[in-house]
C-alpha atoms as a PDB file:
ATOM      1  CA  MET A   1       4.363 -79.736 -12.340  1.00  0.00           C
ATOM      2  CA  LEU A   2       6.976 -76.905 -12.611  1.00  0.00           C
ATOM      3  CA  VAL A   3       9.938 -76.468 -14.562  1.00  0.00           C
ATOM      4  CA  LEU A   4      13.433 -76.236 -12.633  1.00  0.00           C
ATOM      5  CA  LYS A   5      16.468 -74.105 -14.905  1.00  0.00           C
ATOM      6  CA  ILE A   6      19.852 -74.166 -14.010  1.00  0.00           C
ATOM      7  CA  ASN A   7      21.325 -71.070 -15.552  1.00  0.00           C
ATOM      8  CA  ASN A   8      24.958 -72.153 -15.696  1.00  0.00           C
ATOM      9  CA  SER A   9      25.105 -75.739 -16.443  1.00  0.00           C
ATOM     10  CA  GLN A  10      28.728 -77.447 -16.168  1.00  0.00           C
ATOM     11  CA  ASN A  11      29.171 -79.525 -19.917  1.00  0.00           C
ATOM     12  CA  GLY A  12      29.419 -83.277 -19.624  1.00  0.00           C
ATOM     13  CA  VAL A  13      28.275 -83.309 -16.045  1.00  0.00           C
ATOM     14  CA  ASN A  14      24.795 -84.676 -15.406  1.00  0.00           C
ATOM     15  CA  TYR A  15      22.022 -83.304 -12.842  1.00  0.00           C
ATOM     16  CA  GLN A  16      19.280 -85.692 -11.416  1.00  0.00           C
ATOM     17  CA  LEU A  17      16.291 -83.633  -9.879  1.00  0.00           C
ATOM     18  CA  VAL A  18      15.250 -85.607  -6.120  1.00  0.00           C
ATOM     19  CA  ASP A  19      12.229 -85.595  -4.163  1.00  0.00           C
ATOM     20  CA  SER A  20      14.116 -84.895  -0.374  1.00  0.00           C
ATOM     21  CA  ALA A  21      10.851 -86.345   1.436  1.00  0.00           C
ATOM     22  CA  THR A  22      11.243 -89.858  -0.416  1.00  0.00           C
ATOM     23  CA  SER A  23      14.590 -89.446  -1.699  1.00  0.00           C
ATOM     24  CA  SER A  24      13.341 -90.814  -5.349  1.00  0.00           C
ATOM     25  CA  ALA A  25      14.711 -89.598  -8.202  1.00  0.00           C
ATOM     26  CA  VAL A  26      12.177 -87.198 -10.155  1.00  0.00           C
ATOM     27  CA  GLY A  27      12.164 -88.293 -14.301  1.00  0.00           C
ATOM     28  CA  GLY A  28      15.777 -88.651 -15.930  1.00  0.00           C
ATOM     29  CA  THR A  29      18.929 -87.144 -15.783  1.00  0.00           C
ATOM     30  CA  VAL A  30      19.359 -84.139 -17.772  1.00  0.00           C
ATOM     31  CA  SER A  31      23.453 -83.343 -19.425  1.00  0.00           C
ATOM     32  CA  GLY A  32      24.967 -79.765 -18.895  1.00  0.00           C
ATOM     33  CA  ASN A  33      25.530 -78.341 -21.914  1.00  0.00           C
ATOM     34  CA  GLY A  34      27.533 -74.817 -20.210  1.00  0.00           C
ATOM     35  CA  GLY A  35      23.868 -73.066 -20.518  1.00  0.00           C
ATOM     36  CA  GLU A  36      20.356 -73.396 -19.070  1.00  0.00           C
ATOM     37  CA  ILE A  37      19.229 -76.826 -18.392  1.00  0.00           C
ATOM     38  CA  SER A  38      15.643 -77.291 -17.514  1.00  0.00           C
ATOM     39  CA  MET A  39      13.715 -80.287 -15.117  1.00  0.00           C
ATOM     40  CA  LEU A  40      10.766 -80.962 -14.786  1.00  0.00           C
ATOM     41  CA  THR A  41       8.637 -81.904 -11.099  1.00  0.00           C
ATOM     42  CA  GLN A  42       6.123 -83.850 -10.510  1.00  0.00           C
ATOM     43  CA  ASN A  43       2.227 -82.616 -10.209  1.00  0.00           C
ATOM     44  CA  ILE A  44       1.903 -81.481  -6.436  1.00  0.00           C
ATOM     45  CA  ASN A  45      -1.054 -80.925  -4.468  1.00  0.00           C
ATOM     46  CA  SER A  46       1.096 -79.872  -1.441  1.00  0.00           C
ATOM     47  CA  ALA A  47       4.733 -77.781  -0.746  1.00  0.00           C
ATOM     48  CA  THR A  48       7.553 -80.310  -2.016  1.00  0.00           C
ATOM     49  CA  THR A  49      11.352 -79.996  -1.039  1.00  0.00           C
ATOM     50  CA  TYR A  50      13.640 -81.076  -3.838  1.00  0.00           C
ATOM     51  CA  THR A  51      17.256 -81.280  -4.299  1.00  0.00           C
ATOM     52  CA  LEU A  52      19.545 -81.569  -6.824  1.00  0.00           C
ATOM     53  CA  ASN A  53      22.547 -84.074  -7.623  1.00  0.00           C
ATOM     54  CA  ALA A  54      25.402 -83.853  -9.736  1.00  0.00           C
ATOM     55  CA  SER A  55      27.498 -86.197 -11.354  1.00  0.00           C
ATOM     56  CA  ASP A  56      30.613 -86.414 -13.778  1.00  0.00           C
ATOM     57  CA  PRO A  57      30.357 -89.868 -15.650  1.00  0.00           C
ATOM     58  CA  VAL A  58      33.825 -89.355 -16.969  1.00  0.00           C
ATOM     59  CA  THR A  59      35.299 -89.509 -13.415  1.00  0.00           C
ATOM     60  CA  GLY A  60      33.084 -90.660 -11.609  1.00  0.00           C
ATOM     61  CA  CYS A  61      33.069 -87.706  -9.171  1.00  0.00           C
ATOM     62  CA  TYR A  62      29.393 -86.716  -7.453  1.00  0.00           C
ATOM     63  CA  ASN A  63      28.171 -83.869  -5.830  1.00  0.00           C
ATOM     64  CA  ASN A  64      24.839 -84.695  -3.582  1.00  0.00           C
ATOM     65  CA  ASP A  65      22.091 -82.264  -2.322  1.00  0.00           C
ATOM     66  CA  MET A  66      24.253 -79.137  -4.104  1.00  0.00           C
ATOM     67  CA  ALA A  67      20.991 -77.206  -4.093  1.00  0.00           C
ATOM     68  CA  SER A  68      17.367 -77.032  -2.348  1.00  0.00           C
ATOM     69  CA  ILE A  69      14.011 -75.395  -3.520  1.00  0.00           C
ATOM     70  CA  VAL A  70      10.978 -75.819  -1.933  1.00  0.00           C
ATOM     71  CA  VAL A  71       8.304 -75.530  -4.576  1.00  0.00           C
ATOM     72  CA  SER A  72       5.094 -74.299  -3.773  1.00  0.00           C
ATOM     73  CA  PRO A  73       1.517 -75.109  -5.904  1.00  0.00           C
ATOM     74  CA  SER A  74      -0.822 -72.581  -6.947  1.00  0.00           C
ATOM     75  CA  PRO A  75      -3.795 -71.431  -4.330  1.00  0.00           C
ATOM     76  CA  LEU A  76      -6.966 -73.413  -4.454  1.00  0.00           C
ATOM     77  CA  PRO A  77      -9.663 -70.991  -5.937  1.00  0.00           C
ATOM     78  CA  THR A  78     -12.222 -69.513  -4.129  1.00  0.00           C
ATOM     79  CA  GLU A  79     -13.615 -67.345  -6.708  1.00  0.00           C
ATOM     80  CA  LEU A  80     -14.270 -66.471 -10.204  1.00  0.00           C
ATOM     81  CA  ALA A  81     -11.887 -64.728 -13.116  1.00  0.00           C
ATOM     82  CA  ASN A  82     -11.737 -60.880 -13.719  1.00  0.00           C
ATOM     83  CA  ASN A  83     -12.438 -59.968 -17.169  1.00  0.00           C
ATOM     84  CA  ALA A  84      -8.928 -60.612 -19.174  1.00  0.00           C
ATOM     85  CA  ASP A  85      -7.057 -62.470 -16.411  1.00  0.00           C
ATOM     86  CA  SER A  86      -4.981 -64.831 -18.439  1.00  0.00           C
ATOM     87  CA  ARG A  87      -2.203 -67.697 -16.817  1.00  0.00           C
ATOM     88  CA  THR A  88       0.065 -69.873 -19.021  1.00  0.00           C
ATOM     89  CA  CYS A  89       0.799 -72.615 -17.316  1.00  0.00           C
ATOM     90  CA  LEU A  90       2.995 -76.083 -17.571  1.00  0.00           C
ATOM     91  CA  VAL A  91       0.390 -78.826 -18.795  1.00  0.00           C
ATOM     92  CA  ALA A  92       1.431 -82.737 -18.993  1.00  0.00           C
ATOM     93  CA  GLY A  93       0.495 -85.931 -16.678  1.00  0.00           C
ATOM     94  CA  ASN A  94      -3.044 -87.393 -15.790  1.00  0.00           C
ATOM     95  CA  ASN A  95      -4.375 -84.926 -13.248  1.00  0.00           C
ATOM     96  CA  TRP A  96      -5.662 -81.879 -13.289  1.00  0.00           C
ATOM     97  CA  VAL A  97      -4.082 -78.440 -13.977  1.00  0.00           C
ATOM     98  CA  VAL A  98      -5.906 -75.564 -12.199  1.00  0.00           C
ATOM     99  CA  PHE A  99      -5.340 -72.086 -13.873  1.00  0.00           C
ATOM    100  CA  THR A 100      -5.178 -69.291 -11.340  1.00  0.00           C
ATOM    101  CA  ALA A 101      -4.724 -65.528 -12.129  1.00  0.00           C
ATOM    102  CA  PRO A 102      -1.201 -64.722 -10.904  1.00  0.00           C
ATOM    103  CA  GLY A 103      -0.897 -64.027  -7.694  1.00  0.00           C
ATOM    104  CA  THR A 104      -4.623 -64.892  -6.778  1.00  0.00           C
ATOM    105  CA  ASN A 105      -7.498 -67.356  -5.976  1.00  0.00           C
ATOM    106  CA  ARG A 106      -9.186 -66.557  -8.728  1.00  0.00           C
ATOM    107  CA  ALA A 107     -10.366 -69.522 -11.194  1.00  0.00           C
ATOM    108  CA  ILE A 108     -10.053 -69.018 -15.056  1.00  0.00           C
ATOM    109  CA  ALA A 109     -10.318 -73.076 -16.154  1.00  0.00           C
ATOM    110  CA  SER A 110      -8.841 -76.539 -15.326  1.00  0.00           C
ATOM    111  CA  ILE A 111      -7.350 -79.143 -17.930  1.00  0.00           C
ATOM    112  CA  HIS A 112      -7.081 -82.714 -17.470  1.00  0.00           C
ATOM    113  CA  PRO A 113      -4.849 -83.850 -20.049  1.00  0.00           C
ATOM    114  CA  ASN A 114      -5.040 -87.492 -19.879  1.00  0.00           C
ATOM    115  CA  ASN A 115      -1.792 -88.328 -19.915  1.00  0.00           C
ATOM    116  CA  GLN A 116      -0.531 -86.082 -22.929  1.00  0.00           C
ATOM    117  CA  TYR A 117       2.645 -83.348 -22.510  1.00  0.00           C
ATOM    118  CA  LEU A 118       0.825 -80.016 -24.024  1.00  0.00           C
ATOM    119  CA  GLY A 119       3.517 -77.713 -23.090  1.00  0.00           C
ATOM    120  CA  TRP A 120       3.298 -74.183 -22.069  1.00  0.00           C
ATOM    121  CA  VAL A 121      -0.722 -73.373 -22.207  1.00  0.00           C
ATOM    122  CA  THR A 122      -2.373 -69.974 -22.021  1.00  0.00           C
ATOM    123  CA  PHE A 123      -5.628 -70.084 -20.937  1.00  0.00           C
ATOM    124  CA  SER A 124      -7.437 -66.257 -21.048  1.00  0.00           C
ATOM    125  CA  GLU A 125     -10.699 -65.426 -20.035  1.00  0.00           C
ATOM    126  CA  PHE A 126     -12.802 -62.633 -21.051  1.00  0.00           C
ATOM    127  CA  ILE A 127     -16.413 -61.348 -19.391  1.00  0.00           C
ATOM    128  CA  ASN A 128     -19.405 -59.773 -22.018  1.00  0.00           C
ATOM    129  CA  GLY A 129     -21.603 -58.874 -18.592  1.00  0.00           C
ATOM    130  CA  ASN A 130     -24.013 -61.603 -17.602  1.00  0.00           C
ATOM    131  CA  THR A 131     -25.398 -62.489 -21.089  1.00  0.00           C
ATOM    132  CA  GLN A 132     -25.010 -61.785 -24.663  1.00  0.00           C
ATOM    133  CA  ASN A 133     -27.194 -62.725 -27.715  1.00  0.00           C
ATOM    134  CA  VAL A 134     -25.056 -64.092 -30.557  1.00  0.00           C
ATOM    135  CA  GLN A 135     -26.774 -64.057 -34.182  1.00  0.00           C
ATOM    136  CA  ALA A 136     -25.983 -67.267 -36.759  1.00  0.00           C
ATOM    137  CA  TYR A 137     -23.900 -66.235 -39.662  1.00  0.00           C
ATOM    138  CA  GLY A 138     -25.766 -64.498 -42.439  1.00  0.00           C
ATOM    139  CA  THR A 139     -29.236 -64.020 -40.494  1.00  0.00           C
ATOM    140  CA  ASP A 140     -30.871 -60.677 -40.036  1.00  0.00           C
ATOM    141  CA  PRO A 141     -31.316 -59.984 -36.381  1.00  0.00           C
ATOM    142  CA  VAL A 142     -34.380 -57.664 -37.073  1.00  0.00           C
ATOM    143  CA  ASN A 143     -36.068 -60.365 -39.288  1.00  0.00           C
ATOM    144  CA  GLN A 144     -35.069 -63.513 -38.108  1.00  0.00           C
ATOM    145  CA  PRO A 145     -34.438 -63.016 -34.572  1.00  0.00           C
ATOM    146  CA  GLN A 146     -35.381 -66.996 -34.022  1.00  0.00           C
ATOM    147  CA  PHE A 147     -31.718 -67.361 -34.831  1.00  0.00           C
ATOM    148  CA  ALA A 148     -30.256 -65.597 -31.870  1.00  0.00           C
ATOM    149  CA  THR A 149     -28.550 -67.597 -29.169  1.00  0.00           C
ATOM    150  CA  ALA A 150     -28.175 -66.500 -25.695  1.00  0.00           C
ATOM    151  CA  VAL A 151     -24.838 -67.514 -24.640  1.00  0.00           C
ATOM    152  CA  LEU A 152     -22.956 -66.855 -21.311  1.00  0.00           C
ATOM    153  CA  GLY A 153     -21.131 -63.702 -20.918  1.00  0.00           C
ATOM    154  CA  ARG A 154     -17.750 -65.211 -19.877  1.00  0.00           C
ATOM    155  CA  ASN A 155     -15.954 -66.787 -22.672  1.00  0.00           C
ATOM    156  CA  TRP A 156     -12.283 -68.826 -22.881  1.00  0.00           C
ATOM    157  CA  VAL A 157      -9.373 -68.616 -25.453  1.00  0.00           C
ATOM    158  CA  VAL A 158      -7.080 -71.682 -24.844  1.00  0.00           C
ATOM    159  CA  ASP A 159      -3.703 -71.542 -26.861  1.00  0.00           C
ATOM    160  CA  PRO A 160      -1.540 -74.955 -26.171  1.00  0.00           C
ATOM    161  CA  GLU A 161       1.997 -75.356 -27.109  1.00  0.00           C
ATOM    162  CA  PHE A 162       1.102 -78.711 -28.237  1.00  0.00           C
ATOM    163  CA  GLN A 163      -2.221 -79.467 -29.792  1.00  0.00           C
ATOM    164  CA  PRO A 164      -3.617 -82.612 -28.178  1.00  0.00           C
ATOM    165  CA  SER A 165      -3.299 -85.628 -30.096  1.00  0.00           C
ATOM    166  CA  SER A 166      -6.457 -87.499 -28.454  1.00  0.00           C
ATOM    167  CA  ASP A 167      -9.459 -85.837 -26.207  1.00  0.00           C
ATOM    168  CA  VAL A 168      -8.775 -83.998 -23.348  1.00  0.00           C
ATOM    169  CA  GLN A 169     -11.244 -82.771 -20.164  1.00  0.00           C
ATOM    170  CA  VAL A 170     -11.551 -79.217 -19.936  1.00  0.00           C
ATOM    171  CA  ARG A 171     -13.690 -77.716 -16.733  1.00  0.00           C
ATOM    172  CA  LEU A 172     -15.227 -73.661 -17.412  1.00  0.00           C
ATOM    173  CA  TYR A 173     -16.315 -71.913 -14.080  1.00  0.00           C
ATOM    174  CA  PHE A 174     -18.784 -69.682 -13.752  1.00  0.00           C
ATOM    175  CA  ASP A 175     -21.457 -68.647 -10.952  1.00  0.00           C
ATOM    176  CA  ASN A 176     -25.011 -69.266 -10.337  1.00  0.00           C
ATOM    177  CA  ALA A 177     -25.895 -65.262 -11.217  1.00  0.00           C
ATOM    178  CA  ASP A 178     -23.936 -65.698 -14.985  1.00  0.00           C
ATOM    179  CA  PHE A 179     -26.604 -69.104 -15.787  1.00  0.00           C
ATOM    180  CA  ASN A 180     -29.677 -67.558 -14.346  1.00  0.00           C
ATOM    181  CA  ALA A 181     -29.028 -64.479 -16.743  1.00  0.00           C
ATOM    182  CA  THR A 182     -27.812 -66.880 -19.807  1.00  0.00           C
ATOM    183  CA  GLN A 183     -31.433 -68.719 -19.026  1.00  0.00           C
ATOM    184  CA  ILE A 184     -33.691 -66.053 -18.698  1.00  0.00           C
ATOM    185  CA  SER A 185     -32.280 -64.470 -22.092  1.00  0.00           C
ATOM    186  CA  ALA A 186     -32.523 -67.680 -23.709  1.00  0.00           C
ATOM    187  CA  ASN A 187     -35.853 -68.570 -22.513  1.00  0.00           C
ATOM    188  CA  ASN A 188     -37.601 -65.339 -23.407  1.00  0.00           C
ATOM    189  CA  ASN A 189     -36.083 -65.082 -26.868  1.00  0.00           C
ATOM    190  CA  ALA A 190     -37.407 -65.928 -30.154  1.00  0.00           C
ATOM    191  CA  ASN A 191     -35.086 -69.041 -30.022  1.00  0.00           C
ATOM    192  CA  PRO A 192     -36.688 -71.792 -28.579  1.00  0.00           C
ATOM    193  CA  ASN A 193     -33.822 -74.012 -29.365  1.00  0.00           C
ATOM    194  CA  ASP A 194     -30.973 -72.647 -27.115  1.00  0.00           C
ATOM    195  CA  ASP A 195     -33.447 -72.386 -23.939  1.00  0.00           C
ATOM    196  CA  LEU A 196     -32.037 -73.112 -20.547  1.00  0.00           C
ATOM    197  CA  SER A 197     -33.998 -75.914 -17.713  1.00  0.00           C
ATOM    198  CA  SER A 198     -30.544 -76.837 -15.747  1.00  0.00           C
ATOM    199  CA  LEU A 199     -26.634 -76.988 -15.632  1.00  0.00           C
ATOM    200  CA  SER A 200     -27.243 -80.166 -17.547  1.00  0.00           C
ATOM    201  CA  SER A 201     -28.551 -78.137 -20.621  1.00  0.00           C
ATOM    202  CA  LEU A 202     -25.226 -76.632 -21.251  1.00  0.00           C
ATOM    203  CA  VAL A 203     -23.295 -77.254 -24.236  1.00  0.00           C
ATOM    204  CA  MET A 204     -20.206 -75.731 -25.888  1.00  0.00           C
ATOM    205  CA  THR A 205     -19.084 -74.265 -28.748  1.00  0.00           C
ATOM    206  CA  LYS A 206     -15.693 -74.321 -30.008  1.00  0.00           C
ATOM    207  CA  TYR A 207     -14.316 -72.351 -32.695  1.00  0.00           C
ATOM    208  CA  THR A 208     -11.234 -73.155 -34.604  1.00  0.00           C
ATOM    209  CA  GLY A 209     -10.028 -70.079 -36.964  1.00  0.00           C
ATOM    210  CA  PRO A 210      -7.598 -66.977 -37.313  1.00  0.00           C
ATOM    211  CA  ASN A 211      -9.867 -64.560 -34.930  1.00  0.00           C
ATOM    212  CA  GLU A 212      -9.707 -66.700 -31.741  1.00  0.00           C
ATOM    213  CA  ASP A 213     -10.334 -63.882 -29.350  1.00  0.00           C
ATOM    214  CA  ASN A 214     -13.730 -62.720 -27.138  1.00  0.00           C
ATOM    215  CA  SER A 215     -15.762 -61.865 -29.819  1.00  0.00           C
ATOM    216  CA  PHE A 216     -18.310 -64.617 -31.751  1.00  0.00           C
ATOM    217  CA  ALA A 217     -19.301 -62.098 -34.470  1.00  0.00           C
ATOM    218  CA  ASN A 218     -15.607 -62.099 -36.068  1.00  0.00           C
ATOM    219  CA  ASN A 219     -15.480 -66.020 -36.383  1.00  0.00           C
ATOM    220  CA  CYS A 220     -18.327 -65.814 -39.672  1.00  0.00           C
ATOM    221  CA  PHE A 221     -16.865 -66.768 -43.165  1.00  0.00           C
ATOM    222  CA  THR A 222     -13.520 -67.347 -41.852  1.00  0.00           C
ATOM    223  CA  GLY A 223     -12.502 -70.304 -43.171  1.00  0.00           C
ATOM    224  CA  GLY A 224     -12.764 -71.005 -39.148  1.00  0.00           C
ATOM    225  CA  LEU A 225     -14.053 -74.657 -37.618  1.00  0.00           C
ATOM    226  CA  THR A 226     -17.362 -74.397 -35.701  1.00  0.00           C
ATOM    227  CA  THR A 227     -17.965 -77.589 -33.198  1.00  0.00           C
ATOM    228  CA  LEU A 228     -20.813 -78.466 -30.915  1.00  0.00           C
ATOM    229  CA  HIS A 229     -20.016 -80.545 -28.101  1.00  0.00           C
ATOM    230  CA  LEU A 230     -21.849 -82.064 -24.708  1.00  0.00           C
ATOM    231  CA  GLN A 231     -20.431 -81.359 -21.267  1.00  0.00           C
ATOM    232  CA  SER A 232     -19.748 -84.815 -19.718  1.00  0.00           C
ATOM    233  CA  GLY A 233     -20.480 -83.065 -16.193  1.00  0.00           C
ATOM    234  CA  SER A 234     -21.294 -79.635 -14.390  1.00  0.00           C
ATOM    235  CA  GLY A 235     -22.364 -78.752 -10.632  1.00  0.00           C
ATOM    236  CA  ASN A 236     -21.315 -76.259  -7.633  1.00  0.00           C
ATOM    237  CA  ALA A 237     -17.612 -75.931  -7.540  1.00  0.00           C
ATOM    238  CA  GLN A 238     -17.493 -76.459  -3.907  1.00  0.00           C
ATOM    239  CA  ALA A 239     -17.977 -80.011  -4.692  1.00  0.00           C
ATOM    240  CA  ILE A 240     -14.647 -80.038  -6.540  1.00  0.00           C
ATOM    241  CA  TYR A 241     -13.011 -77.404  -4.272  1.00  0.00           C
ATOM    242  CA  THR A 242     -14.834 -76.802  -1.032  1.00  0.00           C
ATOM    243  CA  SER A 243     -12.502 -73.313  -0.715  1.00  0.00           C
ATOM    244  CA  PHE A 244     -15.408 -71.791  -3.396  1.00  0.00           C
ATOM    245  CA  ASN A 245     -17.655 -70.184  -2.861  1.00  0.00           C
ATOM    246  CA  ALA A 246     -20.971 -71.078  -2.534  1.00  0.00           C
ATOM    247  CA  GLN A 247     -22.300 -69.105  -5.824  1.00  0.00           C
ATOM    248  CA  GLY A 248     -19.431 -70.874  -8.080  1.00  0.00           C
ATOM    249  CA  ARG A 249     -20.464 -73.281 -10.848  1.00  0.00           C
ATOM    250  CA  PHE A 250     -18.588 -75.433 -12.971  1.00  0.00           C
ATOM    251  CA  ALA A 251     -19.140 -77.322 -16.467  1.00  0.00           C
ATOM    252  CA  ASN A 252     -16.803 -80.027 -17.937  1.00  0.00           C
ATOM    253  CA  PHE A 253     -16.540 -81.278 -21.271  1.00  0.00           C
ATOM    254  CA  GLN A 254     -13.785 -83.537 -23.349  1.00  0.00           C
ATOM    255  CA  ILE A 255     -12.259 -81.535 -26.439  1.00  0.00           C
ATOM    256  CA  PRO A 256      -9.986 -82.916 -29.193  1.00  0.00           C
ATOM    257  CA  THR A 257      -8.136 -79.359 -29.762  1.00  0.00           C
ATOM    258  CA  PHE A 258      -8.162 -75.706 -27.465  1.00  0.00           C
ATOM    259  CA  SER A 259      -9.012 -72.686 -29.337  1.00  0.00           C
ATOM    260  CA  GLU A 260     -12.127 -70.268 -28.360  1.00  0.00           C
ATOM    261  CA  LEU A 261     -14.991 -71.683 -26.126  1.00  0.00           C
ATOM    262  CA  TRP A 262     -18.074 -70.535 -25.421  1.00  0.00           C
ATOM    263  CA  LEU A 263     -20.984 -72.013 -23.203  1.00  0.00           C
ATOM    264  CA  HIS A 264     -25.257 -72.200 -24.019  1.00  0.00           C
ATOM    265  CA  GLY A 265     -28.104 -73.728 -23.879  1.00  0.00           C
ATOM    266  CA  ASN A 266     -29.619 -76.636 -26.555  1.00  0.00           C
ATOM    267  CA  ASN A 267     -32.680 -78.349 -25.327  1.00  0.00           C
ATOM    268  CA  GLU A 268     -33.081 -80.112 -28.803  1.00  0.00           C
ATOM    269  CA  ILE A 269     -30.061 -82.149 -27.739  1.00  0.00           C
ATOM    270  CA  GLU A 270     -31.015 -82.649 -24.520  1.00  0.00           C
ATOM    271  CA  ASP A 271     -34.644 -83.619 -25.154  1.00  0.00           C
ATOM    272  CA  SER A 272     -34.201 -84.959 -28.344  1.00  0.00           C
ATOM    273  CA  PRO A 273     -37.124 -87.763 -29.212  1.00  0.00           C
ATOM    274  CA  LEU A 274     -34.806 -89.613 -31.640  1.00  0.00           C
ATOM    275  CA  PRO A 275     -33.597 -92.786 -31.231  1.00  0.00           C
ATOM    276  CA  ILE A 276     -29.565 -91.831 -31.262  1.00  0.00           C
ATOM    277  CA  VAL A 277     -27.871 -90.148 -29.025  1.00  0.00           C
ATOM    278  CA  LEU A 278     -25.797 -87.046 -30.716  1.00  0.00           C
ATOM    279  CA  SER A 279     -22.129 -86.776 -29.826  1.00  0.00           C
ATOM    280  CA  GLU A 280     -21.472 -83.972 -32.028  1.00  0.00           C
ATOM    281  CA  PHE A 281     -22.450 -81.771 -34.544  1.00  0.00           C
ATOM    282  CA  LYS A 282     -20.011 -79.569 -36.929  1.00  0.00           C
ATOM    283  CA  ALA A 283     -20.894 -77.128 -39.376  1.00  0.00           C
ATOM    284  CA  ASN A 284     -18.648 -75.246 -40.899  1.00  0.00           C
ATOM    285  CA  CYS A 285     -18.821 -72.186 -44.077  1.00  0.00           C
ATOM    286  CA  GLY A 286     -16.640 -74.116 -47.077  1.00  0.00           C
ATOM    287  CA  LYS A 287     -16.566 -72.711 -50.096  1.00  0.00           C
ATOM    288  CA  ASP A 288     -19.363 -74.034 -52.053  1.00  0.00           C
ATOM    289  CA  GLY A 289     -21.974 -73.871 -48.866  1.00  0.00           C
ATOM    290  CA  VAL A 290     -22.184 -75.345 -45.285  1.00  0.00           C
ATOM    291  CA  ASP A 291     -20.129 -78.419 -44.707  1.00  0.00           C
ATOM    292  CA  ILE A 292     -21.978 -80.292 -42.041  1.00  0.00           C
ATOM    293  CA  THR A 293     -20.568 -83.730 -40.045  1.00  0.00           C
ATOM    294  CA  TRP A 294     -21.848 -85.595 -36.845  1.00  0.00           C
ATOM    295  CA  SER A 295     -21.461 -88.217 -35.021  1.00  0.00           C
ATOM    296  CA  THR A 296     -23.419 -90.501 -32.216  1.00  0.00           C
ATOM    297  CA  SER A 297     -22.564 -92.409 -29.539  1.00  0.00           C
ATOM    298  CA  SER A 298     -25.593 -94.712 -29.772  1.00  0.00           C
ATOM    299  CA  GLU A 299     -28.483 -95.434 -32.353  1.00  0.00           C
ATOM    300  CA  VAL A 300     -30.849 -98.319 -31.091  1.00  0.00           C
ATOM    301  CA  ASP A 301     -32.907 -98.863 -34.994  1.00  0.00           C
ATOM    302  CA  ASN A 302     -31.817 -96.228 -36.620  1.00  0.00           C
ATOM    303  CA  LYS A 303     -32.601 -96.343 -40.534  1.00  0.00           C
ATOM    304  CA  TYR A 304     -30.776 -92.619 -41.699  1.00  0.00           C
ATOM    305  CA  PHE A 305     -30.178 -88.849 -41.484  1.00  0.00           C
ATOM    306  CA  VAL A 306     -32.638 -86.152 -43.256  1.00  0.00           C
ATOM    307  CA  ILE A 307     -30.658 -82.849 -43.480  1.00  0.00           C
ATOM    308  CA  LYS A 308     -33.103 -80.070 -43.649  1.00  0.00           C
ATOM    309  CA  TYR A 309     -32.631 -76.139 -43.964  1.00  0.00           C
ATOM    310  CA  SER A 310     -34.074 -73.109 -43.959  1.00  0.00           C
ATOM    311  CA  ASP A 311     -34.193 -68.971 -43.535  1.00  0.00           C
ATOM    312  CA  ASN A 312     -37.100 -68.531 -41.360  1.00  0.00           C
ATOM    313  CA  ALA A 313     -37.353 -71.707 -39.115  1.00  0.00           C
ATOM    314  CA  TYR A 314     -40.459 -72.126 -40.098  1.00  0.00           C
ATOM    315  CA  ASP A 315     -40.407 -73.357 -43.591  1.00  0.00           C
ATOM    316  CA  TRP A 316     -37.628 -76.346 -44.659  1.00  0.00           C
ATOM    317  CA  SER A 317     -36.543 -77.581 -47.185  1.00  0.00           C
END
C-alpha cells in the first residue's frame, strides 16, 4: 500500500484513483482543497498502473485519465538487514507488509496488521554481534551468573504512528549462525532456563518505555514495561520467500503493541510439566516492588498459583 499525493489540487473538485487493469475505483473520492491531498493504493504484489479521474460536482464536468502512474512493490527479500537498517512504511489492511532496507533486498521485518490502520511505521534493526548475555535487573554478573540470559545478536525497535487496538503479527528475520551462536551461549551459561533446543524454543521479550533503542541494559528501573511473548511459528525464510538465502530463518509473534524487541530462549515455557499453557508473563519494576501479572491459554485441573522469589536461584521464598 502506497500514498499518492496531488500537490496542487483544485478546490471543490473530487478526485478518484482507478486501477487501470480492472477500471475499478480504489478507495473513495477525495475532495480538493487547493493544496496537497493524498490517496491510498491497494496492497500490491506486482507492478500496478493507476489512473486519476477528476469531476466537478457543481458543473458535472469530468476529466478521466488525467494522470497515469505505475507503482511497483519493494523487491522481495533475499538477505538479512545490516546494523541500523531502517525503513518507514504505511501499514494497513489484511496482508503482510515487508520492511526492506531502502533500495536493497535486505529484510528488516514484516508486520501483519490484522485489518488495522497503523499509519506510518518505522522498523529499525540493530546488530550486537552473534549473541550477548544480558544480566537481570539488580543482579551481580560475578556472584549471580545464573541470572544472565543469552539473547540473539539482533534486536528491533518499532515506532508506529498509531499503536494497534488489538494483537498484530510480527515476523523477525535472522540466520542460522545467529541462532547457533545464541544456542551455544545459552546452553553453556549458568542460567538453565534460557537453553535453546530448536527454533521453537525462541521467545520474545518486549520492552516499552523511555529507552526504546538498541540497548537492553538501559531498560532497568525506567518505569517501563517488560513482557514475555511466545512465538506462533518459526522456520526457514525460504518457506516464505524462495528468493531468501538458504541460511535465513524467521520467527512469528502476536503482540498487542510495538516497542523494543529481543529474542532469546526459555525452556521453562517449552518444557513446563504444569497442567497449564502459559501465554503471557509480565514483570514490571513498580514503585513498591515488582508487579507481576500473567495469563494462560488453557488450564486442566489447576487449583492455584504460587509466586516464589530468589536472589540466587537456589533458595526460594
